[in-house]
Structure formats: structure tokens, C-alpha cells
C-alpha atoms as a PDB file:
ATOM      1  CA  UNK A   1     215.781 184.684 228.543  1.00  0.00           C
ATOM      2  CA  UNK A   2     213.173 184.511 225.749  1.00  0.00           C
ATOM      3  CA  UNK A   3     209.925 183.393 226.775  1.00  0.00           C
ATOM      4  CA  UNK A   4     208.520 180.080 225.247  1.00  0.00           C
ATOM      5  CA  UNK A   5     205.933 180.567 222.619  1.00  0.00           C
ATOM      6  CA  UNK A   6     204.177 177.185 223.578  1.00  0.00           C
ATOM      7  CA  UNK A   7     201.456 178.014 226.148  1.00  0.00           C
ATOM      8  CA  UNK A   8     199.225 174.953 225.774  1.00  0.00           C
ATOM      9  CA  UNK A   9     200.336 172.748 222.916  1.00  0.00           C
ATOM     10  CA  UNK A  10     196.955 170.534 223.192  1.00  0.00           C
ATOM     11  CA  UNK A  11     194.855 173.313 222.192  1.00  0.00           C
ATOM     12  CA  UNK A  12     196.240 173.039 218.532  1.00  0.00           C
ATOM     13  CA  UNK A  13     195.632 169.264 218.365  1.00  0.00           C
ATOM     14  CA  UNK A  14     191.881 169.430 217.149  1.00  0.00           C
ATOM     15  CA  UNK A  15     192.949 172.274 214.453  1.00  0.00           C
ATOM     16  CA  UNK A  16     195.938 170.128 213.037  1.00  0.00           C
ATOM     17  CA  UNK A  17     194.265 167.015 213.154  1.00  0.00           C
ATOM     18  CA  UNK A  18     191.416 168.526 211.044  1.00  0.00           C
ATOM     19  CA  UNK A  19     193.479 170.270 208.415  1.00  0.00           C
ATOM     20  CA  UNK A  20     195.442 166.855 208.058  1.00  0.00           C
ATOM     21  CA  UNK A  21     192.246 165.057 207.703  1.00  0.00           C
ATOM     22  CA  UNK A  22     190.695 167.522 205.297  1.00  0.00           C
ATOM     23  CA  UNK A  23     194.082 167.240 203.020  1.00  0.00           C
ATOM     24  CA  UNK A  24     194.995 170.965 203.546  1.00  0.00           C
ATOM     25  CA  UNK A  25     198.132 169.981 205.296  1.00  0.00           C
ATOM     26  CA  UNK A  26     200.350 167.071 205.387  1.00  0.00           C
ATOM     27  CA  UNK A  27     201.536 165.756 209.223  1.00  0.00           C
ATOM     28  CA  UNK A  28     204.926 165.713 209.323  1.00  0.00           C
ATOM     29  CA  UNK A  29     207.695 165.031 211.996  1.00  0.00           C
ATOM     30  CA  UNK A  30     210.776 166.949 212.089  1.00  0.00           C
ATOM     31  CA  UNK A  31     214.385 166.209 213.065  1.00  0.00           C
ATOM     32  CA  UNK A  32     217.327 168.522 213.411  1.00  0.00           C
ATOM     33  CA  UNK A  33     220.978 167.448 212.765  1.00  0.00           C
ATOM     34  CA  UNK A  34     224.551 168.591 212.737  1.00  0.00           C
ATOM     35  CA  UNK A  35     226.905 167.548 210.079  1.00  0.00           C
ATOM     36  CA  UNK A  36     230.261 168.137 211.912  1.00  0.00           C
ATOM     37  CA  UNK A  37     233.211 168.336 209.238  1.00  0.00           C
ATOM     38  CA  UNK A  38     236.904 168.098 209.849  1.00  0.00           C
ATOM     39  CA  UNK A  39     239.857 167.243 207.668  1.00  0.00           C
ATOM     40  CA  UNK A  40     242.671 164.426 207.868  1.00  0.00           C
ATOM     41  CA  UNK A  41     245.062 165.828 205.471  1.00  0.00           C
ATOM     42  CA  UNK A  42     243.105 166.720 202.100  1.00  0.00           C
ATOM     43  CA  UNK A  43     239.969 164.238 202.805  1.00  0.00           C
ATOM     44  CA  UNK A  44     237.095 165.477 204.978  1.00  0.00           C
ATOM     45  CA  UNK A  45     235.278 163.303 207.408  1.00  0.00           C
ATOM     46  CA  UNK A  46     231.865 163.597 208.975  1.00  0.00           C
ATOM     47  CA  UNK A  47     231.141 162.814 212.251  1.00  0.00           C
ATOM     48  CA  UNK A  48     228.406 159.943 212.915  1.00  0.00           C
ATOM     49  CA  UNK A  49     227.384 158.063 216.094  1.00  0.00           C
ATOM     50  CA  UNK A  50     226.321 154.637 216.568  1.00  0.00           C
ATOM     51  CA  UNK A  51     222.875 153.520 217.063  1.00  0.00           C
ATOM     52  CA  UNK A  52     221.938 151.879 220.221  1.00  0.00           C
ATOM     53  CA  UNK A  53     218.092 152.179 220.116  1.00  0.00           C
ATOM     54  CA  UNK A  54     216.223 148.957 218.458  1.00  0.00           C
ATOM     55  CA  UNK A  55     213.115 150.813 217.426  1.00  0.00           C
ATOM     56  CA  UNK A  56     213.141 152.930 214.265  1.00  0.00           C
ATOM     57  CA  UNK A  57     211.020 154.491 211.519  1.00  0.00           C
ATOM     58  CA  UNK A  58     211.142 151.394 209.616  1.00  0.00           C
ATOM     59  CA  UNK A  59     210.216 149.156 212.177  1.00  0.00           C
ATOM     60  CA  UNK A  60     213.338 147.091 212.043  1.00  0.00           C
ATOM     61  CA  UNK A  61     216.290 146.815 214.616  1.00  0.00           C
ATOM     62  CA  UNK A  62     218.793 149.427 213.538  1.00  0.00           C
ATOM     63  CA  UNK A  63     220.923 149.373 216.506  1.00  0.00           C
ATOM     64  CA  UNK A  64     224.827 149.237 215.936  1.00  0.00           C
ATOM     65  CA  UNK A  65     224.263 151.231 212.440  1.00  0.00           C
ATOM     66  CA  UNK A  66     225.643 154.846 212.036  1.00  0.00           C
ATOM     67  CA  UNK A  67     223.369 157.651 211.902  1.00  0.00           C
ATOM     68  CA  UNK A  68     223.775 161.431 211.776  1.00  0.00           C
ATOM     69  CA  UNK A  69     223.932 163.373 215.294  1.00  0.00           C
ATOM     70  CA  UNK A  70     220.722 164.695 216.141  1.00  0.00           C
ATOM     71  CA  UNK A  71     216.854 164.055 216.640  1.00  0.00           C
ATOM     72  CA  UNK A  72     213.522 165.862 217.714  1.00  0.00           C
ATOM     73  CA  UNK A  73     212.876 169.289 219.110  1.00  0.00           C
ATOM     74  CA  UNK A  74     212.056 169.083 222.798  1.00  0.00           C
ATOM     75  CA  UNK A  75     209.769 171.847 224.251  1.00  0.00           C
ATOM     76  CA  UNK A  76     212.598 173.097 226.378  1.00  0.00           C
ATOM     77  CA  UNK A  77     214.195 174.047 223.083  1.00  0.00           C
ATOM     78  CA  UNK A  78     211.425 176.339 221.722  1.00  0.00           C
ATOM     79  CA  UNK A  79     211.943 180.177 222.225  1.00  0.00           C
ATOM     80  CA  UNK A  80     210.463 183.182 220.270  1.00  0.00           C
ATOM     81  CA  UNK A  81     213.655 183.472 217.601  1.00  0.00           C
ATOM     82  CA  UNK A  82     213.192 182.320 214.124  1.00  0.00           C
ATOM     83  CA  UNK A  83     216.456 180.390 214.505  1.00  0.00           C
ATOM     84  CA  UNK A  84     217.403 180.102 218.336  1.00  0.00           C
ATOM     85  CA  UNK A  85     214.890 177.079 218.510  1.00  0.00           C
ATOM     86  CA  UNK A  86     216.571 175.160 215.970  1.00  0.00           C
ATOM     87  CA  UNK A  87     220.068 176.254 217.292  1.00  0.00           C
ATOM     88  CA  UNK A  88     218.758 174.869 220.734  1.00  0.00           C
ATOM     89  CA  UNK A  89     218.060 171.827 219.595  1.00  0.00           C
ATOM     90  CA  UNK A  90     221.180 171.015 217.527  1.00  0.00           C
ATOM     91  CA  UNK A  91     223.266 172.183 220.457  1.00  0.00           C
ATOM     92  CA  UNK A  92     221.314 170.091 222.917  1.00  0.00           C
ATOM     93  CA  UNK A  93     221.940 166.978 220.661  1.00  0.00           C
ATOM     94  CA  UNK A  94     225.436 167.669 219.892  1.00  0.00           C
ATOM     95  CA  UNK A  95     226.197 167.474 223.596  1.00  0.00           C
ATOM     96  CA  UNK A  96     223.979 164.399 224.473  1.00  0.00           C
ATOM     97  CA  UNK A  97     224.870 162.351 221.575  1.00  0.00           C
ATOM     98  CA  UNK A  98     228.725 163.443 220.686  1.00  0.00           C
ATOM     99  CA  UNK A  99     229.868 165.247 223.881  1.00  0.00           C
ATOM    100  CA  UNK A 100     230.505 168.333 221.879  1.00  0.00           C
ATOM    101  CA  UNK A 101     229.525 171.901 223.003  1.00  0.00           C
ATOM    102  CA  UNK A 102     228.362 174.226 220.252  1.00  0.00           C
ATOM    103  CA  UNK A 103     227.285 176.826 222.843  1.00  0.00           C
ATOM    104  CA  UNK A 104     229.603 179.718 221.323  1.00  0.00           C
ATOM    105  CA  UNK A 105     228.109 179.225 218.247  1.00  0.00           C
ATOM    106  CA  UNK A 106     224.541 179.070 219.550  1.00  0.00           C
ATOM    107  CA  UNK A 107     225.133 182.296 221.604  1.00  0.00           C
ATOM    108  CA  UNK A 108     226.387 183.955 218.021  1.00  0.00           C
ATOM    109  CA  UNK A 109     222.996 183.110 216.517  1.00  0.00           C
ATOM    110  CA  UNK A 110     221.075 184.111 219.539  1.00  0.00           C
ATOM    111  CA  UNK A 111     222.323 187.480 219.734  1.00  0.00           C
ATOM    112  CA  UNK A 112     222.304 188.318 215.841  1.00  0.00           C
ATOM    113  CA  UNK A 113     219.511 185.909 214.827  1.00  0.00           C
ATOM    114  CA  UNK A 114     222.084 184.931 212.120  1.00  0.00           C
ATOM    115  CA  UNK A 115     220.485 182.428 209.642  1.00  0.00           C
ATOM    116  CA  UNK A 116     222.507 179.056 208.902  1.00  0.00           C
ATOM    117  CA  UNK A 117     222.172 176.441 206.258  1.00  0.00           C
ATOM    118  CA  UNK A 118     219.643 173.292 206.823  1.00  0.00           C
ATOM    119  CA  UNK A 119     219.981 170.541 203.776  1.00  0.00           C
ATOM    120  CA  UNK A 120     216.345 168.713 204.012  1.00  0.00           C
ATOM    121  CA  UNK A 121     215.690 164.969 203.316  1.00  0.00           C
ATOM    122  CA  UNK A 122     212.242 164.117 203.387  1.00  0.00           C
ATOM    123  CA  UNK A 123     210.629 160.271 203.894  1.00  0.00           C
ATOM    124  CA  UNK A 124     206.912 159.776 202.955  1.00  0.00           C
ATOM    125  CA  UNK A 125     205.698 157.070 205.187  1.00  0.00           C
ATOM    126  CA  UNK A 126     202.963 154.556 204.238  1.00  0.00           C
ATOM    127  CA  UNK A 127     200.401 156.270 206.843  1.00  0.00           C
ATOM    128  CA  UNK A 128     200.385 159.523 204.795  1.00  0.00           C
ATOM    129  CA  UNK A 129     202.766 161.556 207.002  1.00  0.00           C
ATOM    130  CA  UNK A 130     206.324 162.764 206.121  1.00  0.00           C
ATOM    131  CA  UNK A 131     209.389 162.571 208.473  1.00  0.00           C
ATOM    132  CA  UNK A 132     211.424 165.719 207.684  1.00  0.00           C
ATOM    133  CA  UNK A 133     215.127 165.545 208.538  1.00  0.00           C
ATOM    134  CA  UNK A 134     217.282 169.182 208.288  1.00  0.00           C
ATOM    135  CA  UNK A 135     221.027 168.792 208.579  1.00  0.00           C
ATOM    136  CA  UNK A 136     222.923 171.571 209.359  1.00  0.00           C
ATOM    137  CA  UNK A 137     226.620 171.367 207.731  1.00  0.00           C
ATOM    138  CA  UNK A 138     229.537 173.069 209.781  1.00  0.00           C
ATOM    139  CA  UNK A 139     233.332 172.748 210.741  1.00  0.00           C
ATOM    140  CA  UNK A 140     234.205 170.740 213.668  1.00  0.00           C
ATOM    141  CA  UNK A 141     236.355 173.337 214.737  1.00  0.00           C
ATOM    142  CA  UNK A 142     233.369 175.352 215.614  1.00  0.00           C
ATOM    143  CA  UNK A 143     232.711 172.993 218.550  1.00  0.00           C
ATOM    144  CA  UNK A 144     234.430 172.318 221.865  1.00  0.00           C
ATOM    145  CA  UNK A 145     235.576 168.815 222.718  1.00  0.00           C
ATOM    146  CA  UNK A 146     234.793 167.411 226.036  1.00  0.00           C
ATOM    147  CA  UNK A 147     236.001 164.332 228.276  1.00  0.00           C
ATOM    148  CA  UNK A 148     232.822 162.995 227.008  1.00  0.00           C
ATOM    149  CA  UNK A 149     233.815 163.212 223.281  1.00  0.00           C
ATOM    150  CA  UNK A 150     237.118 161.638 224.020  1.00  0.00           C
ATOM    151  CA  UNK A 151     235.289 158.747 225.624  1.00  0.00           C
ATOM    152  CA  UNK A 152     232.524 158.062 222.837  1.00  0.00           C
ATOM    153  CA  UNK A 153     235.264 158.537 220.348  1.00  0.00           C
ATOM    154  CA  UNK A 154     237.653 155.638 221.929  1.00  0.00           C
ATOM    155  CA  UNK A 155     234.594 153.470 222.959  1.00  0.00           C
ATOM    156  CA  UNK A 156     233.276 153.472 219.365  1.00  0.00           C
ATOM    157  CA  UNK A 157     230.277 155.461 220.203  1.00  0.00           C
ATOM    158  CA  UNK A 158     230.833 158.020 217.551  1.00  0.00           C
ATOM    159  CA  UNK A 159     233.507 157.896 214.644  1.00  0.00           C
ATOM    160  CA  UNK A 160     234.548 159.573 211.449  1.00  0.00           C
ATOM    161  CA  UNK A 161     233.211 158.817 207.973  1.00  0.00           C
ATOM    162  CA  UNK A 162     234.886 160.083 204.787  1.00  0.00           C
ATOM    163  CA  UNK A 163     232.954 160.384 201.472  1.00  0.00           C
ATOM    164  CA  UNK A 164     234.506 156.957 200.145  1.00  0.00           C
ATOM    165  CA  UNK A 165     232.640 155.487 203.302  1.00  0.00           C
ATOM    166  CA  UNK A 166     229.489 157.017 202.885  1.00  0.00           C
ATOM    167  CA  UNK A 167     229.356 155.847 199.310  1.00  0.00           C
ATOM    168  CA  UNK A 168     230.673 152.361 200.255  1.00  0.00           C
ATOM    169  CA  UNK A 169     227.316 150.523 200.890  1.00  0.00           C
ATOM    170  CA  UNK A 170     229.064 148.113 203.270  1.00  0.00           C
ATOM    171  CA  UNK A 171     229.451 150.924 205.794  1.00  0.00           C
ATOM    172  CA  UNK A 172     226.555 150.213 207.772  1.00  0.00           C
ATOM    173  CA  UNK A 173     224.142 153.578 207.973  1.00  0.00           C
ATOM    174  CA  UNK A 174     220.757 153.384 209.329  1.00  0.00           C
ATOM    175  CA  UNK A 175     219.206 154.530 205.863  1.00  0.00           C
ATOM    176  CA  UNK A 176     219.821 155.467 202.300  1.00  0.00           C
ATOM    177  CA  UNK A 177     218.193 158.798 203.216  1.00  0.00           C
ATOM    178  CA  UNK A 178     220.791 159.485 206.045  1.00  0.00           C
ATOM    179  CA  UNK A 179     223.530 158.261 204.020  1.00  0.00           C
ATOM    180  CA  UNK A 180     222.687 160.875 201.158  1.00  0.00           C
ATOM    181  CA  UNK A 181     222.080 163.751 203.922  1.00  0.00           C
ATOM    182  CA  UNK A 182     225.638 163.076 205.514  1.00  0.00           C
ATOM    183  CA  UNK A 183     227.234 163.045 202.075  1.00  0.00           C
ATOM    184  CA  UNK A 184     225.318 166.301 201.306  1.00  0.00           C
ATOM    185  CA  UNK A 185     226.610 168.020 204.274  1.00  0.00           C
ATOM    186  CA  UNK A 186     230.060 166.911 204.014  1.00  0.00           C
ATOM    187  CA  UNK A 187     230.465 168.160 200.349  1.00  0.00           C
ATOM    188  CA  UNK A 188     228.570 171.488 201.220  1.00  0.00           C
ATOM    189  CA  UNK A 189     231.553 172.177 203.769  1.00  0.00           C
ATOM    190  CA  UNK A 190     234.195 170.927 201.585  1.00  0.00           C
ATOM    191  CA  UNK A 191     232.642 173.010 198.511  1.00  0.00           C
ATOM    192  CA  UNK A 192     231.971 176.062 201.158  1.00  0.00           C
ATOM    193  CA  UNK A 193     235.871 175.893 202.298  1.00  0.00           C
ATOM    194  CA  UNK A 194     237.418 175.797 198.681  1.00  0.00           C
ATOM    195  CA  UNK A 195     235.095 178.873 197.669  1.00  0.00           C
ATOM    196  CA  UNK A 196     236.492 180.826 200.854  1.00  0.00           C
ATOM    197  CA  UNK A 197     240.212 179.970 199.580  1.00  0.00           C
ATOM    198  CA  UNK A 198     239.307 181.559 196.279  1.00  0.00           C
END
């Protein structure tokens, strides 16, 4: 098991604060998300979850709306690899929020340090900080379904949206940024699949 690169994160707080105050660097929060895409006939669909938390970056209640599967890194996710820390976050979030097991995919990343695609979507906030979201587009078939996924699907905690759904503004999604990010991930997997058929 790789040793954590974080020994005492508090030691860096003063330095980071100074850089931000001197306007050398922008303070940012980062979230990692997974765009799991499947095909029903010829139409691709992307998996989303129904938000339950009421608090948000926008200071409004967004509970009940659809959002991407993922979130912030925890210290437990951090390792020495260039990609494996991000992979750990994505695997954990997919398991917690959707009941899907991506551990085989993570093993492959961990063993080979294989890079993977992350599509960025940035949001600049009024306090001068940035919120950066990165979504990894991949095929649903790279995951293993668990009974938790089946329960979440049945209860509506997770659901599938098409490209038409994402372009339909009456379909409730927590933000325009999330809507665009999900659409980009869906289109990426769709295009990637077409390229592999050529």
C-alpha cells in the first residue's frame, strides 16, 4: 500500500494563505466526478443521483435535483501516485453514492499508472475562490453493480438521463455547470465508442 503524501496538512496553510493574499495563486476547491454512460438501443444515457443535502455552493436548497456522482477528496484517498489518488476518490464516491464497484478499474490505474480523461468545469465565486469540478467519462460496463445500486435505482436515488434530458431545462439539475459537465461526459463516451468502431 502506498504511503500517504500528507504528513501534516496544517503546516502548508500559512504558505497557501500568503500566496492567495498576494494574488499569486487562486484558492480553489476541487471535486472529482464520474460520468457513467450506458446504451439503451442507440441512445446513450448517463447516471445521476438525486441530491439530498440542502446546503450548496449557491446558498440555496438544491435537494431533490439531479447531480453528478462524485465529490471532494478525503485525506484517506491520497497516495503517492499521479493518478491513483484521483482514482481512489472516484471509486469511493461511486460506491457511496451509486452502489457501484469500480475497484477493477482502479486496480488497473494503480498498477500501470494509466492516465484517464477528466473534463473540467470551473466556477468562480464572489469571494474570489474557484470551485473546480472534473468529471471522468467512462462506460457503465466498467463498473460492477451491487444490490445497493439496484435499491437506489428502484427508489429513484439514482437515475439515467439522455442527452435530450440534459438539454431539456425542465429536467431538474442542480446547476447549469453540472448540466453542461454531464452532457460533455456523455458526448465524450459516445464519440469515443464511435471512433473505436471505425
